Amino acid sequence: VQLQASGGGLVQAGGSLRLSCAASGRTYIGRFMGWFRQAPGREREFVAAIKWSGGNTYYKQSVKGRFTISRDNAKNTVYLQMNSLKPEDTAIYYCASALYAITSSLSSVGAYEYWGQGTLVTVSS
């Protein structure tokens, strides 16, 4: 599975960005798609995930109500709408595909087999 992330950029605090992640390369592209982020000097952390079939969504507590993950099955594309951005949201954002994960493992980096290249989000104060 190839994952192409896009949509990052520089935004002021309180602003919005929409990230996209297009999947290709296999007939079966996975059970879940997730977004993770990694700030300088910190470990990669889970942000949100969505199940391709049914659209069930899962979020890191600190982004609930601000971020929305969605998918377009026809385009094999997942989106992350980020509103009310804060400086602490600054990070490289990665999308990832989990082929066979279960919901209890979705926040774990190890549950995902394929990763996109990352897109930088910078939120200025």
PDB file of N, CA and C in Angstrom:
ATOM      1  N   VAL A   1       0.848  -1.188   0.000  1.00  0.00           N
ATOM      2  CA  VAL A   1       0.000   0.000   0.000  1.00  0.00           C
ATOM      3  C   VAL A   1       0.884   1.239   0.000  1.00  0.00           C
ATOM      4  N   GLN A   2       0.599   2.130  -0.919  1.00  0.00           N
ATOM      5  CA  GLN A   2       1.303   3.425  -0.929  1.00  0.00           C
ATOM      6  C   GLN A   2       0.358   4.488  -0.385  1.00  0.00           C
ATOM      7  N   LEU A   3       0.886   5.312   0.492  1.00  0.00           N
ATOM      8  CA  LEU A   3       0.100   6.369   1.108  1.00  0.00           C
ATOM      9  C   LEU A   3       0.736   7.715   0.814  1.00  0.00           C
ATOM     10  N   GLN A   4      -0.071   8.630   0.321  1.00  0.00           N
ATOM     11  CA  GLN A   4       0.417   9.962  -0.030  1.00  0.00           C
ATOM     12  C   GLN A   4      -0.333  10.985   0.799  1.00  0.00           C
ATOM     13  N   ALA A   5       0.384  11.592   1.736  1.00  0.00           N
ATOM     14  CA  ALA A   5      -0.220  12.608   2.594  1.00  0.00           C
ATOM     15  C   ALA A   5       0.048  13.997   2.045  1.00  0.00           C
ATOM     16  N   SER A   6      -0.910  14.878   2.255  1.00  0.00           N
ATOM     17  CA  SER A   6      -0.755  16.262   1.804  1.00  0.00           C
ATOM     18  C   SER A   6      -1.631  17.174   2.646  1.00  0.00           C
ATOM     19  N   GLY A   7      -1.411  18.478   2.502  1.00  0.00           N
ATOM     20  CA  GLY A   7      -2.275  19.447   3.137  1.00  0.00           C
ATOM     21  C   GLY A   7      -1.681  20.197   4.305  1.00  0.00           C
ATOM     22  N   GLY A   8      -0.466  19.858   4.696  1.00  0.00           N
ATOM     23  CA  GLY A   8       0.145  20.567   5.799  1.00  0.00           C
ATOM     24  C   GLY A   8       0.513  21.997   5.427  1.00  0.00           C
ATOM     25  N   GLY A   9       0.920  22.757   6.426  1.00  0.00           N
ATOM     26  CA  GLY A   9       1.318  24.137   6.173  1.00  0.00           C
ATOM     27  C   GLY A   9       1.453  24.913   7.460  1.00  0.00           C
ATOM     28  N   LEU A  10       1.578  26.216   7.299  1.00  0.00           N
ATOM     29  CA  LEU A  10       1.715  27.137   8.428  1.00  0.00           C
ATOM     30  C   LEU A  10       0.384  27.849   8.645  1.00  0.00           C
ATOM     31  N   VAL A  11      -0.070  27.841   9.891  1.00  0.00           N
ATOM     32  CA  VAL A  11      -1.345  28.474  10.207  1.00  0.00           C
ATOM     33  C   VAL A  11      -1.234  29.121  11.579  1.00  0.00           C
ATOM     34  N   GLN A  12      -1.989  30.170  11.788  1.00  0.00           N
ATOM     35  CA  GLN A  12      -2.007  30.812  13.099  1.00  0.00           C
ATOM     36  C   GLN A  12      -2.880  30.034  14.063  1.00  0.00           C
ATOM     37  N   ALA A  13      -2.603  30.200  15.327  1.00  0.00           N
ATOM     38  CA  ALA A  13      -3.424  29.565  16.346  1.00  0.00           C
ATOM     39  C   ALA A  13      -4.886  29.962  16.159  1.00  0.00           C
ATOM     40  N   GLY A  14      -5.761  28.965  16.292  1.00  0.00           N
ATOM     41  CA  GLY A  14      -7.177  29.187  16.056  1.00  0.00           C
ATOM     42  C   GLY A  14      -7.608  28.894  14.642  1.00  0.00           C
ATOM     43  N   GLY A  15      -6.650  28.704  13.759  1.00  0.00           N
ATOM     44  CA  GLY A  15      -6.954  28.445  12.361  1.00  0.00           C
ATOM     45  C   GLY A  15      -7.254  26.988  12.088  1.00  0.00           C
ATOM     46  N   SER A  16      -7.415  26.686  10.800  1.00  0.00           N
ATOM     47  CA  SER A  16      -7.796  25.337  10.372  1.00  0.00           C
ATOM     48  C   SER A  16      -6.916  24.851   9.231  1.00  0.00           C
ATOM     49  N   LEU A  17      -6.778  23.556   9.158  1.00  0.00           N
ATOM     50  CA  LEU A  17      -6.123  22.892   8.036  1.00  0.00           C
ATOM     51  C   LEU A  17      -6.839  21.584   7.772  1.00  0.00           C
ATOM     52  N   ARG A  18      -6.758  21.124   6.543  1.00  0.00           N
ATOM     53  CA  ARG A  18      -7.322  19.833   6.180  1.00  0.00           C
ATOM     54  C   ARG A  18      -6.239  18.986   5.541  1.00  0.00           C
ATOM     55  N   LEU A  19      -5.942  17.882   6.161  1.00  0.00           N
ATOM     56  CA  LEU A  19      -4.967  16.945   5.620  1.00  0.00           C
ATOM     57  C   LEU A  19      -5.680  15.869   4.819  1.00  0.00           C
ATOM     58  N   SER A  20      -4.993  15.392   3.797  1.00  0.00           N
ATOM     59  CA  SER A  20      -5.521  14.301   2.975  1.00  0.00           C
ATOM     60  C   SER A  20      -4.499  13.184   2.907  1.00  0.00           C
ATOM     61  N   CYS A  21      -4.991  11.973   2.747  1.00  0.00           N
ATOM     62  CA  CYS A  21      -4.113  10.815   2.582  1.00  0.00           C
ATOM     63  C   CYS A  21      -4.762   9.880   1.570  1.00  0.00           C
ATOM     64  N   ALA A  22      -4.114   9.742   0.434  1.00  0.00           N
ATOM     65  CA  ALA A  22      -4.617   8.883  -0.628  1.00  0.00           C
ATOM     66  C   ALA A  22      -3.885   7.552  -0.609  1.00  0.00           C
ATOM     67  N   ALA A  23      -4.642   6.464  -0.623  1.00  0.00           N
ATOM     68  CA  ALA A  23      -4.073   5.114  -0.594  1.00  0.00           C
ATOM     69  C   ALA A  23      -4.182   4.464  -1.962  1.00  0.00           C
ATOM     70  N   SER A  24      -3.147   3.705  -2.301  1.00  0.00           N
ATOM     71  CA  SER A  24      -3.153   3.012  -3.585  1.00  0.00           C
ATOM     72  C   SER A  24      -2.240   1.801  -3.500  1.00  0.00           C
ATOM     73  N   GLY A  25      -2.275   0.973  -4.547  1.00  0.00           N
ATOM     74  CA  GLY A  25      -1.299  -0.086  -4.675  1.00  0.00           C
ATOM     75  C   GLY A  25      -1.792  -1.489  -4.421  1.00  0.00           C
ATOM     76  N   ARG A  26      -2.912  -1.615  -3.727  1.00  0.00           N
ATOM     77  CA  ARG A  26      -3.452  -2.949  -3.462  1.00  0.00           C
ATOM     78  C   ARG A  26      -4.964  -2.908  -3.563  1.00  0.00           C
ATOM     79  N   THR A  27      -5.534  -4.065  -3.863  1.00  0.00           N
ATOM     80  CA  THR A  27      -6.988  -4.139  -3.863  1.00  0.00           C
ATOM     81  C   THR A  27      -7.523  -3.949  -2.448  1.00  0.00           C
ATOM     82  N   TYR A  28      -6.870  -4.608  -1.508  1.00  0.00           N
ATOM     83  CA  TYR A  28      -7.241  -4.458  -0.096  1.00  0.00           C
ATOM     84  C   TYR A  28      -6.275  -3.467   0.543  1.00  0.00           C
ATOM     85  N   ILE A  29      -6.774  -2.309   0.936  1.00  0.00           N
ATOM     86  CA  ILE A  29      -5.890  -1.275   1.463  1.00  0.00           C
ATOM     87  C   ILE A  29      -5.927  -1.185   2.977  1.00  0.00           C
ATOM     88  N   GLY A  30      -6.704  -2.057   3.616  1.00  0.00           N
ATOM     89  CA  GLY A  30      -6.649  -2.083   5.059  1.00  0.00           C
ATOM     90  C   GLY A  30      -7.997  -2.000   5.728  1.00  0.00           C
ATOM     91  N   ARG A  31      -7.998  -2.279   7.008  1.00  0.00           N
ATOM     92  CA  ARG A  31      -9.214  -2.213   7.804  1.00  0.00           C
ATOM     93  C   ARG A  31      -9.411  -0.823   8.402  1.00  0.00           C
ATOM     94  N   PHE A  32      -8.297  -0.214   8.817  1.00  0.00           N
ATOM     95  CA  PHE A  32      -8.351   1.108   9.412  1.00  0.00           C
ATOM     96  C   PHE A  32      -7.307   2.008   8.759  1.00  0.00           C
ATOM     97  N   MET A  33      -7.577   3.282   8.777  1.00  0.00           N
ATOM     98  CA  MET A  33      -6.576   4.290   8.426  1.00  0.00           C
ATOM     99  C   MET A  33      -6.424   5.211   9.631  1.00  0.00           C
ATOM    100  N   GLY A  34      -5.183   5.489   9.969  1.00  0.00           N
ATOM    101  CA  GLY A  34      -4.936   6.340  11.120  1.00  0.00           C
ATOM    102  C   GLY A  34      -4.078   7.545  10.784  1.00  0.00           C
ATOM    103  N   TRP A  35      -4.176   8.523  11.660  1.00  0.00           N
ATOM    104  CA  TRP A  35      -3.280   9.690  11.616  1.00  0.00           C
ATOM    105  C   TRP A  35      -2.476   9.716  12.918  1.00  0.00           C
ATOM    106  N   PHE A  36      -1.194   9.889  12.768  1.00  0.00           N
ATOM    107  CA  PHE A  36      -0.293  10.055  13.893  1.00  0.00           C
ATOM    108  C   PHE A  36       0.451  11.371  13.709  1.00  0.00           C
ATOM    109  N   ARG A  37       1.106  11.828  14.750  1.00  0.00           N
ATOM    110  CA  ARG A  37       1.935  13.018  14.634  1.00  0.00           C
ATOM    111  C   ARG A  37       3.176  12.858  15.498  1.00  0.00           C
ATOM    112  N   GLN A  38       4.216  13.578  15.066  1.00  0.00           N
ATOM    113  CA  GLN A  38       5.469  13.524  15.805  1.00  0.00           C
ATOM    114  C   GLN A  38       6.064  14.916  15.862  1.00  0.00           C
ATOM    115  N   ALA A  39       6.157  15.438  17.073  1.00  0.00           N
ATOM    116  CA  ALA A  39       6.781  16.739  17.289  1.00  0.00           C
ATOM    117  C   ALA A  39       8.267  16.533  17.547  1.00  0.00           C
ATOM    118  N   PRO A  40       9.088  17.571  17.320  1.00  0.00           N
ATOM    119  CA  PRO A  40      10.533  17.439  17.544  1.00  0.00           C
ATOM    120  C   PRO A  40      10.853  16.957  18.953  1.00  0.00           C
ATOM    121  N   GLY A  41      11.676  15.929  19.028  1.00  0.00           N
ATOM    122  CA  GLY A  41      12.108  15.412  20.308  1.00  0.00           C
ATOM    123  C   GLY A  41      11.092  14.557  21.037  1.00  0.00           C
ATOM    124  N   ARG A  42       9.986  14.252  20.370  1.00  0.00           N
ATOM    125  CA  ARG A  42       8.934  13.479  21.018  1.00  0.00           C
ATOM    126  C   ARG A  42       8.618  12.227  20.205  1.00  0.00           C
ATOM    127  N   GLU A  43       7.983  11.283  20.852  1.00  0.00           N
ATOM    128  CA  GLU A  43       7.606  10.057  20.177  1.00  0.00           C
ATOM    129  C   GLU A  43       6.382  10.306  19.290  1.00  0.00           C
ATOM    130  N   ARG A  44       6.251   9.451  18.309  1.00  0.00           N
ATOM    131  CA  ARG A  44       5.077   9.521  17.442  1.00  0.00           C
ATOM    132  C   ARG A  44       3.843   9.141  18.246  1.00  0.00           C
ATOM    133  N   GLU A  45       2.792   9.916  18.108  1.00  0.00           N
ATOM    134  CA  GLU A  45       1.584   9.668  18.899  1.00  0.00           C
ATOM    135  C   GLU A  45       0.336   9.593  18.020  1.00  0.00           C
ATOM    136  N   PHE A  46      -0.586   8.806  18.484  1.00  0.00           N
ATOM    137  CA  PHE A  46      -1.854   8.620  17.801  1.00  0.00           C
ATOM    138  C   PHE A  46      -2.694   9.891  17.869  1.00  0.00           C
ATOM    139  N   VAL A  47      -3.368  10.185  16.745  1.00  0.00           N
ATOM    140  CA  VAL A  47      -4.267  11.330  16.692  1.00  0.00           C
ATOM    141  C   VAL A  47      -5.705  10.873  16.457  1.00  0.00           C
ATOM    142  N   ALA A  48      -5.907  10.089  15.403  1.00  0.00           N
ATOM    143  CA  ALA A  48      -7.263   9.663  15.058  1.00  0.00           C
ATOM    144  C   ALA A  48      -7.187   8.466  14.120  1.00  0.00           C
ATOM    145  N   ALA A  49      -8.282   7.716  14.052  1.00  0.00           N
ATOM    146  CA  ALA A  49      -8.366   6.592  13.129  1.00  0.00           C
ATOM    147  C   ALA A  49      -9.807   6.430  12.676  1.00  0.00           C
ATOM    148  N   ILE A  50      -9.947   5.778  11.526  1.00  0.00           N
ATOM    149  CA  ILE A  50     -11.276   5.535  10.985  1.00  0.00           C
ATOM    150  C   ILE A  50     -11.302   4.162  10.340  1.00  0.00           C
ATOM    151  N   LYS A  51     -12.421   3.500  10.478  1.00  0.00           N
ATOM    152  CA  LYS A  51     -12.597   2.192   9.867  1.00  0.00           C
ATOM    153  C   LYS A  51     -13.175   2.385   8.477  1.00  0.00           C
ATOM    154  N   TRP A  52     -12.538   1.758   7.480  1.00  0.00           N
ATOM    155  CA  TRP A  52     -13.000   1.929   6.115  1.00  0.00           C
ATOM    156  C   TRP A  52     -14.443   1.473   5.946  1.00  0.00           C
ATOM    157  N   SER A  53     -14.764   0.339   6.522  1.00  0.00           N
ATOM    158  CA  SER A  53     -16.120  -0.175   6.422  1.00  0.00           C
ATOM    159  C   SER A  53     -16.936   0.277   7.616  1.00  0.00           C
ATOM    160  N   GLY A  54     -17.893   1.120   7.398  1.00  0.00           N
ATOM    161  CA  GLY A  54     -18.734   1.590   8.494  1.00  0.00           C
ATOM    162  C   GLY A  54     -18.395   2.974   8.991  1.00  0.00           C
ATOM    163  N   GLY A  55     -17.137   3.391   8.835  1.00  0.00           N
ATOM    164  CA  GLY A  55     -16.752   4.745   9.189  1.00  0.00           C
ATOM    165  C   GLY A  55     -16.604   5.026  10.674  1.00  0.00           C
ATOM    166  N   ASN A  56     -16.499   4.000  11.520  1.00  0.00           N
ATOM    167  CA  ASN A  56     -16.287   4.240  12.951  1.00  0.00           C
ATOM    168  C   ASN A  56     -15.018   5.061  13.142  1.00  0.00           C
ATOM    169  N   THR A  57     -15.086   6.022  14.056  1.00  0.00           N
ATOM    170  CA  THR A  57     -13.954   6.914  14.280  1.00  0.00           C
ATOM    171  C   THR A  57     -13.444   6.828  15.716  1.00  0.00           C
ATOM    172  N   TYR A  58     -12.162   7.151  15.862  1.00  0.00           N
ATOM    173  CA  TYR A  58     -11.481   7.059  17.150  1.00  0.00           C
ATOM    174  C   TYR A  58     -10.534   8.241  17.240  1.00  0.00           C
ATOM    175  N   TYR A  59     -10.451   8.864  18.424  1.00  0.00           N
ATOM    176  CA  TYR A  59      -9.656  10.079  18.570  1.00  0.00           C
ATOM    177  C   TYR A  59      -8.819  10.073  19.842  1.00  0.00           C
ATOM    178  N   LYS A  60      -7.687  10.753  19.743  1.00  0.00           N
ATOM    179  CA  LYS A  60      -6.926  11.112  20.940  1.00  0.00           C
ATOM    180  C   LYS A  60      -7.782  12.110  21.710  1.00  0.00           C
ATOM    181  N   GLN A  61      -7.783  11.993  23.007  1.00  0.00           N
ATOM    182  CA  GLN A  61      -8.676  12.810  23.828  1.00  0.00           C
ATOM    183  C   GLN A  61      -8.480  14.297  23.583  1.00  0.00           C
ATOM    184  N   SER A  62      -7.239  14.733  23.428  1.00  0.00           N
ATOM    185  CA  SER A  62      -6.960  16.169  23.346  1.00  0.00           C
ATOM    186  C   SER A  62      -7.389  16.804  22.021  1.00  0.00           C
ATOM    187  N   VAL A  63      -7.757  15.995  21.039  1.00  0.00           N
ATOM    188  CA  VAL A  63      -8.192  16.565  19.768  1.00  0.00           C
ATOM    189  C   VAL A  63      -9.690  16.399  19.540  1.00  0.00           C
ATOM    190  N   LYS A  64     -10.347  15.691  20.421  1.00  0.00           N
ATOM    191  CA  LYS A  64     -11.795  15.513  20.288  1.00  0.00           C
ATOM    192  C   LYS A  64     -12.500  16.865  20.282  1.00  0.00           C
ATOM    193  N   GLY A  65     -13.420  17.020  19.357  1.00  0.00           N
ATOM    194  CA  GLY A  65     -14.140  18.277  19.242  1.00  0.00           C
ATOM    195  C   GLY A  65     -13.441  19.306  18.373  1.00  0.00           C
ATOM    196  N   ARG A  66     -12.172  19.097  18.084  1.00  0.00           N
ATOM    197  CA  ARG A  66     -11.420  20.015  17.217  1.00  0.00           C
ATOM    198  C   ARG A  66     -11.072  19.362  15.886  1.00  0.00           C
ATOM    199  N   PHE A  67     -10.733  18.074  15.921  1.00  0.00           N
ATOM    200  CA  PHE A  67     -10.343  17.349  14.712  1.00  0.00           C
ATOM    201  C   PHE A  67     -11.450  16.391  14.303  1.00  0.00           C
ATOM    202  N   THR A  68     -11.591  16.228  12.996  1.00  0.00           N
ATOM    203  CA  THR A  68     -12.557  15.280  12.460  1.00  0.00           C
ATOM    204  C   THR A  68     -11.900  14.452  11.371  1.00  0.00           C
ATOM    205  N   ILE A  69     -11.948  13.139  11.530  1.00  0.00           N
ATOM    206  CA  ILE A  69     -11.429  12.242  10.505  1.00  0.00           C
ATOM    207  C   ILE A  69     -12.600  11.728   9.684  1.00  0.00           C
ATOM    208  N   SER A  70     -12.389  11.649   8.377  1.00  0.00           N
ATOM    209  CA  SER A  70     -13.434  11.162   7.487  1.00  0.00           C
ATOM    210  C   SER A  70     -12.780  10.405   6.332  1.00  0.00           C
ATOM    211  N   ARG A  71     -13.606   9.702   5.565  1.00  0.00           N
ATOM    212  CA  ARG A  71     -13.032   8.967   4.441  1.00  0.00           C
ATOM    213  C   ARG A  71     -13.957   9.019   3.248  1.00  0.00           C
ATOM    214  N   ASP A  72     -13.335   8.855   2.088  1.00  0.00           N
ATOM    215  CA  ASP A  72     -14.050   8.748   0.818  1.00  0.00           C
ATOM    216  C   ASP A  72     -13.637   7.404   0.232  1.00  0.00           C
ATOM    217  N   ASN A  73     -14.491   6.423   0.401  1.00  0.00           N
ATOM    218  CA  ASN A  73     -14.131   5.074  -0.033  1.00  0.00           C
ATOM    219  C   ASN A  73     -13.907   5.000  -1.543  1.00  0.00           C
ATOM    220  N   ALA A  74     -14.657   5.758  -2.295  1.00  0.00           N
ATOM    221  CA  ALA A  74     -14.523   5.715  -3.751  1.00  0.00           C
ATOM    222  C   ALA A  74     -13.156   6.215  -4.203  1.00  0.00           C
ATOM    223  N   LYS A  75     -12.581   7.127  -3.423  1.00  0.00           N
ATOM    224  CA  LYS A  75     -11.269   7.694  -3.765  1.00  0.00           C
ATOM    225  C   LYS A  75     -10.144   7.076  -2.955  1.00  0.00           C
ATOM    226  N   ASN A  76     -10.478   6.132  -2.071  1.00  0.00           N
ATOM    227  CA  ASN A  76      -9.463   5.561  -1.172  1.00  0.00           C
ATOM    228  C   ASN A  76      -8.673   6.664  -0.458  1.00  0.00           C
ATOM    229  N   THR A  77      -9.388   7.652   0.008  1.00  0.00           N
ATOM    230  CA  THR A  77      -8.757   8.812   0.616  1.00  0.00           C
ATOM    231  C   THR A  77      -9.366   9.084   1.992  1.00  0.00           C
ATOM    232  N   VAL A  78      -8.496   9.424   2.916  1.00  0.00           N
ATOM    233  CA  VAL A  78      -8.903   9.782   4.266  1.00  0.00           C
ATOM    234  C   VAL A  78      -8.498  11.227   4.524  1.00  0.00           C
ATOM    235  N   TYR A  79      -9.331  11.928   5.270  1.00  0.00           N
ATOM    236  CA  TYR A  79      -9.087  13.336   5.562  1.00  0.00           C
ATOM    237  C   TYR A  79      -9.004  13.550   7.069  1.00  0.00           C
ATOM    238  N   LEU A  80      -8.267  14.571   7.432  1.00  0.00           N
ATOM    239  CA  LEU A  80      -8.241  15.011   8.817  1.00  0.00           C
ATOM    240  C   LEU A  80      -8.480  16.515   8.823  1.00  0.00           C
ATOM    241  N   GLN A  81      -9.688  16.895   9.203  1.00  0.00           N
ATOM    242  CA  GLN A  81     -10.018  18.304   9.325  1.00  0.00           C
ATOM    243  C   GLN A  81      -9.622  18.763  10.714  1.00  0.00           C
ATOM    244  N   MET A  82      -8.746  19.756  10.763  1.00  0.00           N
ATOM    245  CA  MET A  82      -8.224  20.236  12.041  1.00  0.00           C
ATOM    246  C   MET A  82      -8.660  21.681  12.236  1.00  0.00           C
ATOM    247  N   ASN A  83      -9.466  21.913  13.249  1.00  0.00           N
ATOM    248  CA  ASN A  83      -9.951  23.247  13.572  1.00  0.00           C
ATOM    249  C   ASN A  83      -9.412  23.683  14.931  1.00  0.00           C
ATOM    250  N   SER A  84      -9.514  24.962  15.197  1.00  0.00           N
ATOM    251  CA  SER A  84      -9.067  25.519  16.484  1.00  0.00           C
ATOM    252  C   SER A  84      -7.661  25.046  16.820  1.00  0.00           C
ATOM    253  N   LEU A  85      -6.789  25.138  15.863  1.00  0.00           N
ATOM    254  CA  LEU A  85      -5.429  24.632  16.045  1.00  0.00           C
ATOM    255  C   LEU A  85      -4.679  25.407  17.105  1.00  0.00           C
ATOM    256  N   LYS A  86      -3.819  24.684  17.813  1.00  0.00           N
ATOM    257  CA  LYS A  86      -3.022  25.239  18.894  1.00  0.00           C
ATOM    258  C   LYS A  86      -1.546  25.038  18.572  1.00  0.00           C
ATOM    259  N   PRO A  87      -0.674  25.862  19.144  1.00  0.00           N
ATOM    260  CA  PRO A  87       0.765  25.666  18.904  1.00  0.00           C
ATOM    261  C   PRO A  87       1.237  24.258  19.242  1.00  0.00           C
ATOM    262  N   GLU A  88       0.628  23.637  20.242  1.00  0.00           N
ATOM    263  CA  GLU A  88       1.038  22.277  20.615  1.00  0.00           C
ATOM    264  C   GLU A  88       0.609  21.221  19.599  1.00  0.00           C
ATOM    265  N   ASP A  89      -0.167  21.620  18.592  1.00  0.00           N
ATOM    266  CA  ASP A  89      -0.496  20.703  17.503  1.00  0.00           C
ATOM    267  C   ASP A  89       0.604  20.658  16.440  1.00  0.00           C
ATOM    268  N   THR A  90       1.597  21.503  16.586  1.00  0.00           N
ATOM    269  CA  THR A  90       2.698  21.538  15.635  1.00  0.00           C
ATOM    270  C   THR A  90       3.443  20.210  15.627  1.00  0.00           C
ATOM    271  N   ALA A  91       3.563  19.616  14.442  1.00  0.00           N
ATOM    272  CA  ALA A  91       4.208  18.310  14.310  1.00  0.00           C
ATOM    273  C   ALA A  91       4.221  17.906  12.845  1.00  0.00           C
ATOM    274  N   ILE A  92       4.942  16.845  12.569  1.00  0.00           N
ATOM    275  CA  ILE A  92       4.789  16.174  11.282  1.00  0.00           C
ATOM    276  C   ILE A  92       3.649  15.170  11.452  1.00  0.00           C
ATOM    277  N   TYR A  93       2.704  15.221  10.551  1.00  0.00           N
ATOM    278  CA  TYR A  93       1.549  14.341  10.610  1.00  0.00           C
ATOM    279  C   TYR A  93       1.714  13.226   9.581  1.00  0.00           C
ATOM    280  N   TYR A  94       1.507  12.004  10.043  1.00  0.00           N
ATOM    281  CA  TYR A  94       1.643  10.826   9.201  1.00  0.00           C
ATOM    282  C   TYR A  94       0.310  10.088   9.112  1.00  0.00           C
ATOM    283  N   CYS A  95      -0.014   9.617   7.922  1.00  0.00           N
ATOM    284  CA  CYS A  95      -1.132   8.701   7.810  1.00  0.00           C
ATOM    285  C   CYS A  95      -0.573   7.282   7.721  1.00  0.00           C
ATOM    286  N   ALA A  96      -1.383   6.344   8.141  1.00  0.00           N
ATOM    287  CA  ALA A  96      -0.928   4.960   8.198  1.00  0.00           C
ATOM    288  C   ALA A  96      -2.099   4.018   7.986  1.00  0.00           C
ATOM    289  N   SER A  97      -1.787   2.870   7.419  1.00  0.00           N
ATOM    290  CA  SER A  97      -2.804   1.861   7.130  1.00  0.00           C
ATOM    291  C   SER A  97      -2.609   0.634   8.012  1.00  0.00           C
ATOM    292  N   ALA A  98      -3.696   0.220   8.644  1.00  0.00           N
ATOM    293  CA  ALA A  98      -3.682  -0.996   9.453  1.00  0.00           C
ATOM    294  C   ALA A  98      -4.496  -2.058   8.727  1.00  0.00           C
ATOM    295  N   LEU A  99      -3.841  -3.102   8.296  1.00  0.00           N
ATOM    296  CA  LEU A  99      -4.525  -4.117   7.499  1.00  0.00           C
ATOM    297  C   LEU A  99      -5.473  -4.966   8.335  1.00  0.00           C
ATOM    298  N   TYR A 100      -5.049  -5.350   9.539  1.00  0.00           N
ATOM    299  CA  TYR A 100      -5.806  -6.338  10.302  1.00  0.00           C
ATOM    300  C   TYR A 100      -5.974  -5.967  11.764  1.00  0.00           C
ATOM    301  N   ALA A 101      -5.754  -4.710  12.104  1.00  0.00           N
ATOM    302  CA  ALA A 101      -5.784  -4.300  13.511  1.00  0.00           C
ATOM    303  C   ALA A 101      -7.164  -4.462  14.123  1.00  0.00           C
ATOM    304  N   ILE A 102      -7.189  -4.529  15.447  1.00  0.00           N
ATOM    305  CA  ILE A 102      -8.436  -4.476  16.204  1.00  0.00           C
ATOM    306  C   ILE A 102      -8.505  -3.121  16.886  1.00  0.00           C
ATOM    307  N   THR A 103      -9.689  -2.724  17.305  1.00  0.00           N
ATOM    308  CA  THR A 103      -9.879  -1.369  17.793  1.00  0.00           C
ATOM    309  C   THR A 103      -9.023  -1.062  19.019  1.00  0.00           C
ATOM    310  N   SER A 104      -8.782  -2.046  19.854  1.00  0.00           N
ATOM    311  CA  SER A 104      -8.012  -1.802  21.077  1.00  0.00           C
ATOM    312  C   SER A 104      -6.547  -1.487  20.790  1.00  0.00           C
ATOM    313  N   SER A 105      -6.094  -1.733  19.579  1.00  0.00           N
ATOM    314  CA  SER A 105      -4.689  -1.506  19.240  1.00  0.00           C
ATOM    315  C   SER A 105      -4.473  -0.269  18.384  1.00  0.00           C
ATOM    316  N   LEU A 106      -5.520   0.459  18.067  1.00  0.00           N
ATOM    317  CA  LEU A 106      -5.421   1.526  17.082  1.00  0.00           C
ATOM    318  C   LEU A 106      -4.482   2.660  17.479  1.00  0.00           C
ATOM    319  N   SER A 107      -4.252   2.863  18.735  1.00  0.00           N
ATOM    320  CA  SER A 107      -3.365   3.946  19.155  1.00  0.00           C
ATOM    321  C   SER A 107      -1.901   3.542  19.147  1.00  0.00           C
ATOM    322  N   SER A 108      -1.639   2.316  18.771  1.00  0.00           N
ATOM    323  CA  SER A 108      -0.272   1.799  18.769  1.00  0.00           C
ATOM    324  C   SER A 108       0.352   1.911  17.385  1.00  0.00           C
ATOM    325  N   VAL A 109       1.561   2.455  17.334  1.00  0.00           N
ATOM    326  CA  VAL A 109       2.292   2.552  16.072  1.00  0.00           C
ATOM    327  C   VAL A 109       2.437   1.176  15.431  1.00  0.00           C
ATOM    328  N   GLY A 110       2.663   0.176  16.235  1.00  0.00           N
ATOM    329  CA  GLY A 110       2.916  -1.166  15.731  1.00  0.00           C
ATOM    330  C   GLY A 110       1.736  -1.837  15.062  1.00  0.00           C
ATOM    331  N   ALA A 111       0.543  -1.257  15.207  1.00  0.00           N
ATOM    332  CA  ALA A 111      -0.648  -1.848  14.598  1.00  0.00           C
ATOM    333  C   ALA A 111      -0.752  -1.533  13.109  1.00  0.00           C
ATOM    334  N   TYR A 112       0.081  -0.643  12.620  1.00  0.00           N
ATOM    335  CA  TYR A 112      -0.008  -0.148  11.255  1.00  0.00           C
ATOM    336  C   TYR A 112       1.161  -0.661  10.417  1.00  0.00           C
ATOM    337  N   GLU A 113       0.828  -1.215   9.269  1.00  0.00           N
ATOM    338  CA  GLU A 113       1.857  -1.809   8.413  1.00  0.00           C
ATOM    339  C   GLU A 113       2.449  -0.832   7.407  1.00  0.00           C
ATOM    340  N   TYR A 114       1.679   0.140   6.990  1.00  0.00           N
ATOM    341  CA  TYR A 114       2.129   1.055   5.946  1.00  0.00           C
ATOM    342  C   TYR A 114       2.001   2.499   6.427  1.00  0.00           C
ATOM    343  N   TRP A 115       2.977   3.318   6.025  1.00  0.00           N
ATOM    344  CA  TRP A 115       3.022   4.707   6.461  1.00  0.00           C
ATOM    345  C   TRP A 115       3.261   5.625   5.275  1.00  0.00           C
ATOM    346  N   GLY A 116       2.626   6.788   5.338  1.00  0.00           N
ATOM    347  CA  GLY A 116       2.900   7.831   4.372  1.00  0.00           C
ATOM    348  C   GLY A 116       4.155   8.589   4.759  1.00  0.00           C
ATOM    349  N   GLN A 117       4.524   9.553   3.936  1.00  0.00           N
ATOM    350  CA  GLN A 117       5.788  10.260   4.104  1.00  0.00           C
ATOM    351  C   GLN A 117       5.717  11.386   5.123  1.00  0.00           C
ATOM    352  N   GLY A 118       4.542  11.764   5.557  1.00  0.00           N
ATOM    353  CA  GLY A 118       4.412  12.834   6.539  1.00  0.00           C
ATOM    354  C   GLY A 118       4.222  14.184   5.898  1.00  0.00           C
ATOM    355  N   THR A 119       3.468  15.022   6.575  1.00  0.00           N
ATOM    356  CA  THR A 119       3.259  16.396   6.126  1.00  0.00           C
ATOM    357  C   THR A 119       3.348  17.294   7.351  1.00  0.00           C
ATOM    358  N   LEU A 120       4.086  18.391   7.220  1.00  0.00           N
ATOM    359  CA  LEU A 120       4.390  19.252   8.352  1.00  0.00           C
ATOM    360  C   LEU A 120       3.266  20.244   8.593  1.00  0.00           C
ATOM    361  N   VAL A 121       2.834  20.295   9.844  1.00  0.00           N
ATOM    362  CA  VAL A 121       1.852  21.285  10.299  1.00  0.00           C
ATOM    363  C   VAL A 121       2.532  22.166  11.337  1.00  0.00           C
ATOM    364  N   THR A 122       2.529  23.456  11.089  1.00  0.00           N
ATOM    365  CA  THR A 122       3.125  24.408  12.021  1.00  0.00           C
ATOM    366  C   THR A 122       2.056  25.409  12.430  1.00  0.00           C
ATOM    367  N   VAL A 123       1.834  25.512  13.735  1.00  0.00           N
ATOM    368  CA  VAL A 123       0.830  26.434  14.257  1.00  0.00           C
ATOM    369  C   VAL A 123       1.558  27.514  15.045  1.00  0.00           C
ATOM    370  N   SER A 124       1.447  28.739  14.588  1.00  0.00           N
ATOM    371  CA  SER A 124       2.132  29.845  15.248  1.00  0.00           C
ATOM    372  C   SER A 124       1.215  30.485  16.289  1.00  0.00           C
ATOM    373  N   SER A 125       1.837  30.991  17.335  1.00  0.00           N
ATOM    374  CA  SER A 125       1.052  31.605  18.424  1.00  0.00           C
ATOM    375  C   SER A 125       0.837  33.085  18.180  1.00  0.00           C
TER     376      SER A 125
END
